[in-house]
Protein backbone atom coordinates (compact mmCIF):
# COMPACT_ATOMS: atom_id res chain seq x y z
CA MET A 1 3.13 3.97 -1.57
CA SER A 2 2.36 4.19 2.18
CA GLN A 3 -1.38 2.87 2.01
CA TYR A 4 -0.12 -0.46 -0.01
CA ILE A 5 2.20 -1.05 2.75
CA TYR A 6 -0.38 -0.60 5.28
CA GLN A 7 -2.60 -2.73 3.83
CA MET A 8 0.28 -5.44 3.02
CA ILE A 9 0.96 -5.56 6.50
CA LEU A 10 -2.42 -4.97 8.46
CA ASN A 11 -4.22 -7.62 5.88
CA GLY A 12 -1.84 -10.23 6.61
CA CYS A 13 -1.94 -9.81 10.47
CA ARG A 14 -5.61 -10.27 10.52
CA LEU A 15 -6.34 -12.77 7.39
CA GLY A 16 -3.00 -14.63 8.46
CA PHE A 17 -3.18 -14.12 12.45
CA TYR A 18 -6.83 -15.31 12.54
CA GLU A 19 -7.48 -19.38 11.84
CA PRO A 20 -4.08 -20.18 14.17
CA ILE A 21 -5.72 -18.03 16.49
CA ARG A 22 -8.53 -19.06 16.20
CA LYS A 23 -7.43 -22.73 16.30
CA ASN A 24 -5.85 -22.92 18.74
CA LEU A 25 -7.74 -21.30 21.18
CA THR A 26 -10.99 -23.74 20.18
CA GLN A 27 -8.32 -27.24 20.83
CA THR A 28 -7.00 -25.64 24.21
CA LEU A 29 -10.94 -24.80 25.40
CA PHE A 30 -12.52 -27.45 24.19
CA HIS A 31 -10.11 -30.27 22.90
CA ASP A 32 -11.74 -29.75 18.95
CA PRO A 33 -10.65 -27.40 16.59
CA SER A 34 -13.48 -27.85 14.31
CA VAL A 35 -16.03 -26.17 16.93
CA GLN A 36 -17.36 -22.34 16.01
CA SER A 37 -16.90 -20.32 19.15
CA LEU A 38 -17.93 -17.00 18.46
CA GLY A 39 -16.43 -15.55 21.66
CA ILE A 40 -13.56 -17.01 20.41
CA ASN A 41 -14.11 -15.84 16.92
CA VAL A 42 -14.32 -12.38 17.78
CA PHE A 43 -11.83 -11.54 19.91
CA SER A 44 -9.24 -13.97 17.51
CA GLY A 45 -10.56 -11.32 14.65
CA ALA A 46 -10.09 -8.65 16.68
CA THR A 47 -6.27 -9.41 18.18
CA SER A 48 -5.38 -10.46 14.23
CA GLY A 49 -6.65 -7.09 13.50
CA ILE A 50 -5.01 -4.68 16.83
CA MET A 51 -2.05 -6.47 16.10
CA GLY A 52 -1.84 -5.41 12.26
CA ALA A 53 -2.49 -1.90 13.31
CA ALA A 54 0.00 -1.59 14.94
CA LEU A 55 2.64 -2.61 13.23
CA GLY A 56 1.48 -0.63 10.46
CA SER A 57 -0.43 2.76 12.38
CA PRO A 58 3.13 4.90 10.65
CA PHE A 59 2.45 3.96 6.85
CA PHE A 60 -1.57 4.92 7.87
CA LEU A 61 0.42 8.02 9.62
CA VAL A 62 1.68 9.57 6.71
CA LYS A 63 -1.16 7.94 4.20
CA THR A 64 -3.43 10.74 5.78
CA ARG A 65 -1.05 13.79 6.17
CA LEU A 66 -0.47 13.11 2.86
CA GLN A 67 -4.51 12.89 1.71
CA ALA A 68 -5.28 15.25 4.00
CA TYR A 69 -2.25 18.09 2.38
CA SER A 70 -3.73 20.28 -0.07
CA PRO A 71 -2.29 23.57 -1.45
CA PHE A 72 -5.22 24.97 -3.23
CA LEU A 73 -8.00 24.61 -0.44
CA PRO A 74 -6.42 23.61 3.55
CA VAL A 75 -8.75 22.76 5.10
CA GLY A 76 -7.28 21.05 9.22
CA THR A 77 -3.94 20.92 9.82
CA GLN A 78 -1.48 20.82 6.77
CA HIS A 79 2.08 18.86 5.95
CA GLN A 80 3.84 19.69 3.41
CA TYR A 81 5.43 16.16 2.88
CA ARG A 82 7.32 15.60 -0.50
CA ASN A 83 6.72 11.45 0.02
CA ALA A 84 6.31 8.72 2.15
CA ARG A 85 10.32 8.70 2.76
CA HIS A 86 10.00 12.31 3.57
CA ALA A 87 7.46 12.49 5.66
CA LEU A 88 8.60 9.03 7.82
CA SER A 89 11.82 10.72 7.97
CA ASP A 90 10.73 14.08 9.53
CA ILE A 91 8.03 12.81 11.77
CA TYR A 92 10.84 11.11 13.00
CA ALA A 93 13.69 14.06 12.77
CA LYS A 94 10.77 16.16 14.68
CA GLU A 95 8.86 13.65 16.85
CA GLY A 96 10.99 10.33 17.06
CA VAL A 97 9.22 7.19 17.31
CA ARG A 98 6.46 8.48 19.75
CA GLY A 99 5.47 10.80 17.17
CA LEU A 100 5.56 7.88 14.01
CA TYR A 101 2.89 5.75 16.80
CA ARG A 102 0.61 8.58 17.31
CA GLY A 103 -2.95 8.10 17.37
CA VAL A 104 -1.81 4.03 17.00
CA ALA A 105 -4.11 3.12 20.05
CA PRO A 106 -7.47 4.87 18.01
CA ALA A 107 -6.64 3.35 14.91
CA MET A 108 -5.50 -0.41 17.28
CA VAL A 109 -9.23 0.09 18.75
CA ARG A 110 -10.63 1.08 15.50
CA THR A 111 -9.25 -2.24 13.63
CA GLY A 112 -9.89 -3.95 16.66
CA PHE A 113 -13.87 -3.10 16.26
CA GLY A 114 -13.22 -4.27 12.54
CA SER A 115 -11.84 -7.33 12.33
CA SER A 116 -13.52 -8.44 14.88
CA VAL A 117 -16.56 -8.88 13.53
CA GLN A 118 -15.18 -8.75 9.78
CA LEU A 119 -14.05 -12.95 9.11
CA PRO A 120 -16.49 -13.58 11.64
CA THR A 121 -19.22 -12.43 9.97
CA TYR A 122 -18.27 -13.88 7.28
CA PHE A 123 -18.03 -17.19 8.02
CA PHE A 124 -21.48 -16.73 9.84
CA ALA A 125 -23.44 -15.62 7.12
CA LYS A 126 -21.83 -18.20 4.88
CA ARG A 127 -22.85 -20.79 6.96
CA ARG A 128 -26.24 -19.09 6.97
CA LEU A 129 -26.81 -19.30 3.44
CA GLN A 130 -25.75 -22.36 2.50
CA ARG A 131 -28.05 -24.05 5.38
CA HIS A 132 -30.83 -21.77 4.62
CA LEU A 133 -31.43 -20.75 0.54
CA HIS A 134 -28.86 -23.97 0.22
CA MET A 135 -25.59 -21.99 -1.92
CA THR A 136 -23.27 -23.96 -2.34
CA ASP A 137 -19.71 -22.67 -2.26
CA GLY A 138 -18.41 -20.97 -5.03
CA PRO A 139 -18.35 -17.03 -6.30
CA ALA A 140 -21.62 -16.27 -6.00
CA LEU A 141 -21.57 -17.44 -2.10
CA HIS A 142 -18.82 -15.60 -1.27
CA LEU A 143 -19.71 -12.63 -2.81
CA ALA A 144 -23.20 -12.52 -0.51
CA SER A 145 -20.90 -13.20 2.81
CA SER A 146 -18.41 -10.63 2.03
CA ALA A 147 -20.88 -7.93 0.81
CA CYS A 148 -22.48 -8.83 4.54
CA SER A 149 -19.06 -8.70 5.74
CA GLY A 150 -18.23 -5.00 4.89
CA LEU A 151 -21.54 -3.54 5.75
CA VAL A 152 -20.68 -4.96 9.59
CA VAL A 153 -18.01 -3.64 9.65
CA CYS A 154 -18.69 -0.22 8.82
CA LEU A 155 -20.74 -0.26 11.30
CA ALA A 156 -18.83 -1.44 14.39
CA MET A 157 -15.37 0.33 12.77
CA HIS A 158 -17.04 3.69 11.54
CA PRO A 159 -17.17 5.49 15.29
CA SER A 160 -13.73 4.97 15.85
CA ASP A 161 -12.41 5.38 12.28
CA THR A 162 -14.15 8.95 12.95
CA ILE A 163 -11.59 9.48 16.06
CA MET A 164 -8.47 7.95 14.83
CA ASN A 165 -8.52 10.52 11.60
CA ARG A 166 -9.11 13.62 13.78
CA MET A 167 -6.39 12.49 16.41
CA TYR A 168 -4.07 11.51 13.32
CA ASN A 169 -4.61 14.17 11.37
CA GLN A 170 -4.19 16.99 14.68
CA THR A 171 -0.86 19.37 15.30
CA GLY A 172 0.02 19.73 18.88
CA ASN A 173 -2.36 18.31 21.67
CA LEU A 174 -5.78 19.13 20.87
CA TYR A 175 -6.82 15.58 22.09
CA ASN A 176 -4.34 13.78 24.96
CA ASN A 177 -6.15 10.81 23.99
CA ALA A 178 -9.35 8.76 21.66
CA PHE A 179 -11.60 9.44 24.95
CA GLU A 180 -10.89 12.55 25.18
CA CYS A 181 -11.12 13.06 21.35
CA LEU A 182 -14.30 11.34 21.24
CA TRP A 183 -15.91 13.86 23.90
CA LYS A 184 -14.76 16.49 22.63
CA THR A 185 -16.72 15.96 19.04
CA VAL A 186 -20.28 14.35 20.51
CA ARG A 187 -19.75 17.39 23.21
CA THR A 188 -19.58 19.97 20.43
CA GLU A 189 -21.37 18.61 17.54
CA GLY A 190 -23.67 15.90 18.61
CA PHE A 191 -23.80 12.33 18.70
CA LEU A 192 -23.69 11.73 14.87
CA ALA A 193 -20.37 13.43 14.58
CA ILE A 194 -18.68 10.17 14.58
CA TYR A 195 -21.02 7.97 11.69
CA LYS A 196 -20.24 11.07 9.03
CA GLY A 197 -19.20 9.98 6.15
CA PHE A 198 -20.31 6.64 6.37
CA PHE A 199 -21.08 6.24 3.17
CA ALA A 200 -17.89 7.59 1.65
CA HIS A 201 -16.57 4.65 4.12
CA LEU A 202 -19.00 2.23 3.32
CA ALA A 203 -18.57 2.90 -0.47
CA ARG A 204 -15.45 2.42 -0.22
CA ILE A 205 -14.59 -0.74 2.37
CA LEU A 206 -17.50 -3.26 0.73
CA PRO A 207 -15.59 -3.60 -2.23
CA HIS A 208 -12.71 -3.97 -0.51
CA THR A 209 -14.10 -6.80 1.54
CA ILE A 210 -15.43 -8.09 -1.25
CA LEU A 211 -12.60 -8.59 -3.45
CA THR A 212 -10.14 -8.94 0.08
CA LEU A 213 -12.59 -11.73 1.30
CA SER A 214 -13.33 -13.33 -2.24
CA LEU A 215 -9.75 -13.78 -2.85
CA ALA A 216 -8.16 -15.13 0.01
CA GLU A 217 -10.99 -17.44 -0.27
CA GLN A 218 -9.66 -18.31 -4.03
CA THR A 219 -6.24 -17.99 -2.49
CA ASN A 220 -6.78 -21.19 -0.67
CA LYS A 221 -8.00 -22.94 -2.80
CA LEU A 222 -4.82 -22.58 -5.01
CA MET A 223 -2.41 -23.53 -2.12
CA ARG A 224 -4.25 -26.59 -0.76
CA LYS A 225 -3.89 -28.10 -4.23
CA PHE A 226 -0.61 -27.35 -3.80
CA GLU A 227 -0.41 -28.57 -0.87
CA ASN A 228 -1.94 -31.71 -1.15
CA ARG A 229 -0.35 -32.32 -5.52
CA VAL A 230 3.75 -31.51 -3.61
CA LEU A 231 3.74 -31.97 -0.83
CA PRO A 232 4.32 -35.72 1.47
CA GLY A 233 0.46 -36.22 3.50
CA ARG A 234 2.95 -36.18 7.44
CA ALA A 235 3.91 -32.64 6.12
CA LYS A 236 0.47 -31.59 5.17
CA GLU A 237 -0.70 -33.32 8.17
CA ASN A 238 1.49 -30.39 10.54
CA ILE A 239 0.24 -28.10 8.95
C-alpha cells in the first residue's frame, strides 16, 4: 500500500507540475510557451520530481523497510512492522517527524536526477524519431521514446538510488548525510559499488517508464477530447 501511495504522489507531481512549470518559465524568459529549451526542460523535470519525492518520502521509507525485513535470511538492519500503518506510527512514536523524513535529502537528489532527464529525454527522443525516422504519433512512437527515456533515467538515477536505500535502511547514525554515505561506499567498495543492482533496477524502471509515459499520452488525448466536447471555447483557452 505504501508503494502505491508513494507512486501516486511522486508521479502526480512529476507529470502534473512539469508542463505548468515549463510553460511559465518559457513564457517569462522567451515570451513564447511553445519554445523548447533544454535547460528549462531539465529544471522543470527536476523541480517537479523533487516536489513529489519530498511529499512522498515517508511512504518510500516504509516501503523500503518492509521490503528489507526477512525473518529467515536477515540482511542489514531489520524492522519488524506488521503493515504500513504500524510502520508509520512506530517511526513517528520513536523518532518523530524527523524520523519519517530520514533519507529525504538523497531521495530528493535521486528523484531530481531521474526526473530532470525523464520527460526532457522522452520529448527529445520523440521529436528526433519523428524527424529522422518519420514515425507518426502513436503507440509505437510512445513505446520507443519512453524506452529511451527509461534507459537514461536509470543511468542518471542509480547512484543516488543506491545511496538513498542505504540511508533509509540504516539504524542510528552510520551515515550522517548522503555525501558521507557516498564517500564511505566508494572508499570501501570501489566506484562501481554505486551501480550495484543496475540491471535489476533497469528491469524495473524500463517497463515502469514505458507504461507511465505511454499511459500519460493516452490520458492526455482523452482529456483533450473531453475538453473539446464539453468545455466552451473561452474555458479551454484558460486551461
